[in-house]
Amino acid sequence: MAIRVLEIIFFFYFASHIPITLFIDLQALLPGDVYPQPLVDLLRWYAEEFKDPMMLDHPEWFKSFVFCEALLQMPFFPIAAYAFLKAPAWNVSSSGTCCIQKLERR
């Protein structure tokens, strides 16, 4: 039961990163007119409220990190969320040692 709770937490973690990446983080890469004004205002509010200047003034090295997030992590988020949601069917383990033990038994 405790492992299932942890899997649900991981599901929400990965699922929540999908809209955050698409609507907030990718504003550093895409032209300003792609996003509606409420999302631009949300980003500005976040950056001012939490004192995150890089979200408003994007240095080139920061854009490269966001590009990696878009290219590598974004496709993984829905897969990971689905895997943790369907954990018993997918036999997803939340511990690396459990995975190693399963491989050793084969």
Protein backbone atom coordinates (compact mmCIF):
# COMPACT_ATOMS: atom_id res chain seq x y z
CA MET A 1 0.00 0.00 0.00
CA ALA A 2 2.79 2.45 0.86
CA ILE A 3 4.47 1.79 -2.48
CA ARG A 4 1.20 2.52 -4.32
CA VAL A 5 0.93 5.87 -2.53
CA LEU A 6 4.47 6.69 -3.65
CA GLU A 7 3.60 5.71 -7.22
CA ILE A 8 0.59 8.05 -7.15
CA ILE A 9 2.82 10.87 -5.88
CA PHE A 10 5.23 10.20 -8.76
CA PHE A 11 2.30 10.17 -11.19
CA PHE A 12 1.21 13.65 -10.06
CA TYR A 13 4.82 14.87 -10.16
CA PHE A 14 5.32 13.85 -13.79
CA ALA A 15 1.78 14.80 -14.88
CA SER A 16 2.12 18.28 -13.36
CA HIS A 17 5.33 18.91 -15.31
CA ILE A 18 3.57 18.56 -18.65
CA PRO A 19 1.60 21.84 -18.46
CA ILE A 20 4.41 23.59 -16.57
CA THR A 21 6.88 22.78 -19.32
CA LEU A 22 4.49 23.58 -22.18
CA PHE A 23 2.97 26.78 -20.79
CA ILE A 24 5.72 28.28 -18.64
CA ASP A 25 9.21 26.92 -19.34
CA LEU A 26 9.00 26.91 -23.13
CA GLN A 27 8.27 30.64 -23.14
CA ALA A 28 12.06 31.02 -22.94
CA LEU A 29 12.42 29.44 -26.39
CA LEU A 30 9.34 30.32 -28.40
CA PRO A 31 8.45 33.78 -29.76
CA GLY A 32 6.46 35.98 -27.41
CA ASP A 33 3.35 36.07 -29.61
CA VAL A 34 2.88 32.27 -29.38
CA TYR A 35 1.48 32.45 -25.85
CA PRO A 36 -1.72 34.23 -24.81
CA GLN A 37 -1.33 37.24 -22.54
CA PRO A 38 -2.61 35.48 -19.38
CA LEU A 39 0.23 32.93 -19.62
CA VAL A 40 2.79 35.67 -20.22
CA ASP A 41 1.41 37.51 -17.20
CA LEU A 42 1.59 34.30 -15.14
CA LEU A 43 5.26 33.90 -16.03
CA ARG A 44 5.97 37.52 -15.17
CA TRP A 45 4.15 37.18 -11.84
CA TYR A 46 6.09 34.00 -11.03
CA ALA A 47 9.43 35.57 -11.88
CA GLU A 48 8.75 38.67 -9.80
CA GLU A 49 7.12 36.88 -6.86
CA PHE A 50 9.80 34.20 -6.54
CA LYS A 51 12.68 36.41 -7.69
CA ASP A 52 13.62 34.27 -10.68
CA PRO A 53 15.18 36.74 -13.15
CA MET A 54 16.22 34.07 -15.65
CA MET A 55 12.60 33.36 -16.46
CA LEU A 56 12.28 36.93 -17.75
CA ASP A 57 15.73 37.59 -19.19
CA HIS A 58 16.85 34.31 -20.73
CA PRO A 59 20.64 33.94 -21.13
CA GLU A 60 21.70 31.68 -24.00
CA TRP A 61 23.00 28.95 -21.70
CA PHE A 62 19.62 28.91 -19.92
CA LYS A 63 17.86 28.49 -23.26
CA SER A 64 20.03 25.44 -23.93
CA PHE A 65 18.79 23.87 -20.68
CA VAL A 66 15.19 24.62 -21.61
CA PHE A 67 15.81 23.15 -25.06
CA CYS A 68 17.08 19.94 -23.41
CA GLU A 69 14.00 19.92 -21.21
CA ALA A 70 11.77 20.22 -24.27
CA LEU A 71 13.66 17.65 -26.31
CA LEU A 72 14.50 15.03 -23.68
CA GLN A 73 12.23 15.43 -20.67
CA MET A 74 8.95 16.55 -22.22
CA PRO A 75 8.41 13.32 -24.21
CA PHE A 76 9.24 11.33 -21.07
CA PHE A 77 6.75 13.06 -18.74
CA PRO A 78 3.54 11.49 -20.16
CA ILE A 79 5.20 8.08 -20.42
CA ALA A 80 6.38 8.23 -16.82
CA ALA A 81 3.02 9.52 -15.58
CA TYR A 82 1.20 6.69 -17.36
CA ALA A 83 3.67 4.12 -16.09
CA PHE A 84 3.23 5.18 -12.48
CA LEU A 85 -0.54 5.36 -12.87
CA LYS A 86 -0.63 1.84 -14.29
CA ALA A 87 2.21 0.61 -12.07
CA PRO A 88 0.84 -2.86 -11.26
CA ALA A 89 0.24 -3.59 -14.95
CA TRP A 90 3.61 -2.17 -16.00
CA ASN A 91 5.38 -3.62 -12.95
CA VAL A 92 7.07 -0.28 -12.26
CA SER A 93 9.28 -0.23 -9.22
CA SER A 94 9.97 2.96 -7.34
CA SER A 95 13.28 1.64 -6.07
CA GLY A 96 16.38 0.89 -8.12
CA THR A 97 17.35 -1.93 -5.79
CA CYS A 98 14.04 -3.67 -6.48
CA CYS A 99 14.77 -3.49 -10.20
CA ILE A 100 18.20 -5.03 -9.68
CA GLN A 101 16.73 -7.80 -7.55
CA LYS A 102 14.17 -8.57 -10.25
CA LEU A 103 16.91 -8.77 -12.89
CA GLU A 104 19.02 -11.05 -10.69
CA ARG A 105 16.11 -13.51 -10.31
CA ARG A 106 15.83 -14.04 -14.07
